[in-house]
Amino acid sequence: AIATRLALKLSDYVVTEAGFGTDLGAEKFFHIKCRLTGLRPRAAVIVATVRAIAHHGGYTPQGGLGNLAKHIENIRRFGLAPVVAINRFDGDRPSDHRRIIRFCKRLGVEAAVADNYEKGGAGAVELAEAVLRSVKANRRRKLRFLYRLSDPLETKIAKVARAVYGASGVEFDRDAETDLELLAKHGYD
């Protein structure tokens, strides 16, 4: 948080790589870093690749595009309109990029191909412009959290499991219950 605050004093925009996925990185970034520091992001970028979409089942709502849609939904749950960055790799077909862009557009999300690995900064201009539009669109939005700090740990876990992972509920085995009791006993709930 110190580095982010310093960077905000020295520049107009600060980019934080929050970690892998909206279910791992973004959820913890919003619930922990933003909540504890009062930082309020104005943009969120979801990084996708043609390979990842193909690996997760291809261009179907149940496959890779469905996975991308879930990440978009997760960011929206926190109150932000995301941007999708499609990292270009050798061997990608432009038609696949266009399919992803069209899919995102149907969801009301801007997507841009990022080719900064091969072209340097020039390859990221389209993405940067999309992020700037997102910052402007998100300016009046408020970051939302999925649970209250006063909620019991079991409730916090259940809310994240349902909202972010799509679980119908959670069950705790005896070892987990013991761990939760220990955390609460020491004030970490």
Protein backbone atom coordinates (compact mmCIF):
# COMPACT_ATOMS: atom_id res chain seq x y z
CA ALA A 1 0.00 0.00 0.00
CA ILE A 2 2.91 2.36 0.70
CA ALA A 3 4.28 1.88 -2.81
CA THR A 4 0.84 2.48 -4.34
CA ARG A 5 0.31 5.68 -2.35
CA LEU A 6 3.76 6.96 -3.31
CA ALA A 7 3.15 6.13 -6.96
CA LEU A 8 -0.18 7.97 -6.87
CA LYS A 9 1.62 11.10 -5.69
CA LEU A 10 4.14 10.84 -8.52
CA SER A 11 1.94 9.98 -11.48
CA ASP A 12 -1.54 10.30 -12.90
CA TYR A 13 -2.15 6.55 -13.17
CA VAL A 14 -0.87 3.58 -11.22
CA VAL A 15 -1.21 0.00 -12.38
CA THR A 16 -1.26 -2.77 -9.80
CA GLU A 17 -0.98 -6.37 -10.92
CA ALA A 18 -3.37 -7.87 -8.38
CA GLY A 19 -2.72 -11.51 -9.12
CA PHE A 20 -4.12 -14.31 -11.18
CA GLY A 21 -7.82 -14.18 -11.98
CA THR A 22 -10.75 -12.32 -10.55
CA ASP A 23 -11.40 -15.20 -8.19
CA LEU A 24 -7.92 -15.19 -6.70
CA GLY A 25 -6.20 -11.87 -7.32
CA ALA A 26 -8.98 -9.33 -7.71
CA GLU A 27 -11.14 -10.64 -4.86
CA LYS A 28 -8.26 -10.39 -2.39
CA PHE A 29 -7.08 -7.07 -3.83
CA PHE A 30 -10.53 -5.51 -3.34
CA HIS A 31 -11.38 -7.13 -0.01
CA ILE A 32 -7.97 -6.80 1.62
CA LYS A 33 -5.80 -4.09 0.07
CA CYS A 34 -8.56 -1.68 -0.97
CA ARG A 35 -10.61 -2.18 2.16
CA LEU A 36 -7.68 -1.75 4.55
CA THR A 37 -6.10 1.21 2.75
CA GLY A 38 -9.14 3.05 1.45
CA LEU A 39 -7.77 2.85 -2.11
CA ARG A 40 -10.51 2.89 -4.74
CA PRO A 41 -9.53 1.63 -8.20
CA ARG A 42 -11.12 3.28 -11.22
CA ALA A 43 -10.40 0.50 -13.68
CA ALA A 44 -9.95 -3.24 -13.77
CA VAL A 45 -8.32 -5.11 -16.64
CA ILE A 46 -8.99 -8.79 -17.22
CA VAL A 47 -6.26 -10.40 -19.29
CA ALA A 48 -7.30 -13.12 -21.73
CA THR A 49 -5.53 -15.06 -24.44
CA VAL A 50 -6.70 -17.07 -27.41
CA ARG A 51 -4.87 -20.08 -25.95
CA ALA A 52 -6.63 -19.78 -22.58
CA ILE A 53 -10.05 -19.52 -24.23
CA ALA A 54 -9.27 -22.63 -26.30
CA HIS A 55 -7.87 -24.46 -23.26
CA HIS A 56 -11.05 -23.80 -21.26
CA GLY A 57 -13.32 -25.31 -23.87
CA GLY A 58 -13.24 -22.89 -26.78
CA TYR A 59 -15.68 -20.31 -28.06
CA THR A 60 -18.82 -21.49 -26.30
CA PRO A 61 -20.80 -20.05 -23.40
CA GLN A 62 -19.94 -23.20 -21.42
CA GLY A 63 -16.27 -23.08 -22.40
CA GLY A 64 -13.63 -20.40 -22.55
CA LEU A 65 -16.00 -17.57 -23.33
CA GLY A 66 -18.16 -18.62 -20.42
CA ASN A 67 -15.08 -18.53 -18.20
CA LEU A 68 -14.28 -15.02 -19.46
CA ALA A 69 -17.90 -13.98 -18.85
CA LYS A 70 -17.63 -15.18 -15.24
CA HIS A 71 -14.52 -13.05 -14.69
CA ILE A 72 -16.36 -10.05 -16.15
CA GLU A 73 -19.31 -10.76 -13.84
CA ASN A 74 -16.96 -10.99 -10.85
CA ILE A 75 -15.46 -7.55 -11.50
CA ARG A 76 -18.94 -6.10 -11.96
CA ARG A 77 -19.95 -7.50 -8.56
CA PHE A 78 -17.38 -5.16 -7.04
CA GLY A 79 -18.97 -2.21 -8.84
CA LEU A 80 -16.51 -1.68 -11.68
CA ALA A 81 -16.89 -1.98 -15.44
CA PRO A 82 -13.85 -3.97 -16.62
CA VAL A 83 -11.76 -3.86 -19.77
CA VAL A 84 -10.54 -7.07 -21.39
CA ALA A 85 -6.95 -7.15 -22.65
CA ILE A 86 -6.35 -9.87 -25.22
CA ASN A 87 -2.63 -10.63 -25.08
CA ARG A 88 -1.52 -11.44 -28.62
CA PHE A 89 0.82 -14.36 -29.19
CA ASP A 90 2.50 -15.67 -32.34
CA GLY A 91 0.12 -18.07 -34.01
CA ASP A 92 -3.03 -16.24 -32.89
CA ARG A 93 -5.52 -15.74 -35.67
CA PRO A 94 -6.97 -12.23 -35.98
CA SER A 95 -10.37 -13.86 -36.43
CA ASP A 96 -10.08 -15.29 -32.91
CA HIS A 97 -9.29 -11.83 -31.54
CA ARG A 98 -12.35 -10.47 -33.32
CA ARG A 99 -14.54 -13.24 -31.85
CA ILE A 100 -13.43 -12.38 -28.33
CA ILE A 101 -13.92 -8.65 -28.95
CA ARG A 102 -17.45 -9.27 -30.33
CA PHE A 103 -18.30 -11.48 -27.35
CA CYS A 104 -17.14 -8.80 -24.92
CA LYS A 105 -19.06 -6.13 -26.81
CA ARG A 106 -22.26 -8.21 -26.45
CA LEU A 107 -21.60 -8.16 -22.69
CA GLY A 108 -21.10 -4.40 -22.77
CA VAL A 109 -17.37 -4.63 -22.15
CA GLU A 110 -14.61 -3.06 -24.20
CA ALA A 111 -11.82 -5.39 -25.29
CA ALA A 112 -8.53 -4.55 -26.96
CA VAL A 113 -5.69 -6.59 -28.38
CA ALA A 114 -2.42 -5.97 -26.55
CA ASP A 115 0.69 -6.63 -28.63
CA ASN A 116 3.23 -4.95 -26.38
CA TYR A 117 5.52 -7.99 -26.24
CA GLU A 118 6.34 -7.70 -29.92
CA LYS A 119 5.74 -3.98 -30.50
CA GLY A 120 6.60 -2.44 -27.14
CA GLY A 121 4.57 0.57 -26.01
CA ALA A 122 3.09 1.04 -29.48
CA GLY A 123 1.45 -2.37 -29.15
CA ALA A 124 -0.36 -1.31 -25.98
CA VAL A 125 -1.81 2.02 -27.14
CA GLU A 126 -5.25 0.59 -27.98
CA LEU A 127 -5.44 -1.07 -24.55
CA ALA A 128 -4.27 2.10 -22.78
CA GLU A 129 -6.96 4.13 -24.55
CA ALA A 130 -9.60 1.57 -23.52
CA VAL A 131 -8.40 1.76 -19.91
CA LEU A 132 -8.60 5.57 -19.95
CA ARG A 133 -12.20 5.35 -21.21
CA SER A 134 -12.92 2.87 -18.42
CA VAL A 135 -11.41 5.20 -15.81
CA LYS A 136 -13.73 7.93 -17.03
CA ALA A 137 -16.77 5.60 -17.05
CA ASN A 138 -15.96 4.27 -13.56
CA ARG A 139 -15.29 7.70 -12.04
CA ARG A 140 -18.65 7.90 -10.23
CA ARG A 141 -18.86 4.21 -9.37
CA LYS A 142 -18.27 3.07 -5.84
CA LEU A 143 -16.30 -0.02 -4.98
CA ARG A 144 -18.61 -2.62 -3.44
CA PHE A 145 -17.59 -5.39 -1.12
CA LEU A 146 -19.24 -8.80 -0.97
CA TYR A 147 -19.40 -8.94 2.81
CA ARG A 148 -19.32 -6.70 5.87
CA LEU A 149 -16.27 -6.80 8.11
CA SER A 150 -18.59 -7.60 11.02
CA ASP A 151 -19.84 -10.79 9.33
CA PRO A 152 -18.66 -14.06 10.91
CA LEU A 153 -15.91 -15.88 8.99
CA GLU A 154 -18.32 -18.60 7.89
CA THR A 155 -20.61 -15.96 6.37
CA LYS A 156 -17.71 -14.21 4.61
CA ILE A 157 -16.53 -17.50 3.12
CA ALA A 158 -20.05 -18.43 2.02
CA LYS A 159 -20.64 -15.04 0.38
CA VAL A 160 -17.38 -15.23 -1.58
CA ALA A 161 -18.00 -18.86 -2.53
CA ARG A 162 -21.46 -18.06 -3.88
CA ALA A 163 -20.71 -14.76 -5.61
CA VAL A 164 -17.24 -15.40 -7.02
CA TYR A 165 -17.13 -19.17 -7.48
CA GLY A 166 -20.81 -19.85 -8.14
CA ALA A 167 -21.14 -22.31 -5.24
CA SER A 168 -24.61 -23.18 -4.04
CA GLY A 169 -23.32 -23.20 -0.47
CA VAL A 170 -20.43 -24.27 1.72
CA GLU A 171 -19.88 -27.03 4.24
CA PHE A 172 -17.09 -27.05 6.80
CA ASP A 173 -15.53 -30.27 8.01
CA ARG A 174 -14.44 -30.59 11.63
CA ASP A 175 -10.85 -29.49 10.91
CA ALA A 176 -12.08 -26.36 9.13
CA GLU A 177 -14.44 -25.56 12.00
CA THR A 178 -11.53 -25.91 14.44
CA ASP A 179 -9.40 -23.58 12.31
CA LEU A 180 -12.23 -21.03 12.11
CA GLU A 181 -12.67 -21.12 15.88
CA LEU A 182 -8.93 -20.61 16.36
CA LEU A 183 -8.88 -17.66 13.95
CA ALA A 184 -11.85 -16.05 15.73
CA LYS A 185 -10.31 -16.68 19.15
CA HIS A 186 -7.20 -14.72 18.12
CA GLY A 187 -9.15 -11.87 16.54
CA TYR A 188 -8.52 -12.76 12.88
CA ASP A 189 -12.16 -13.08 11.96
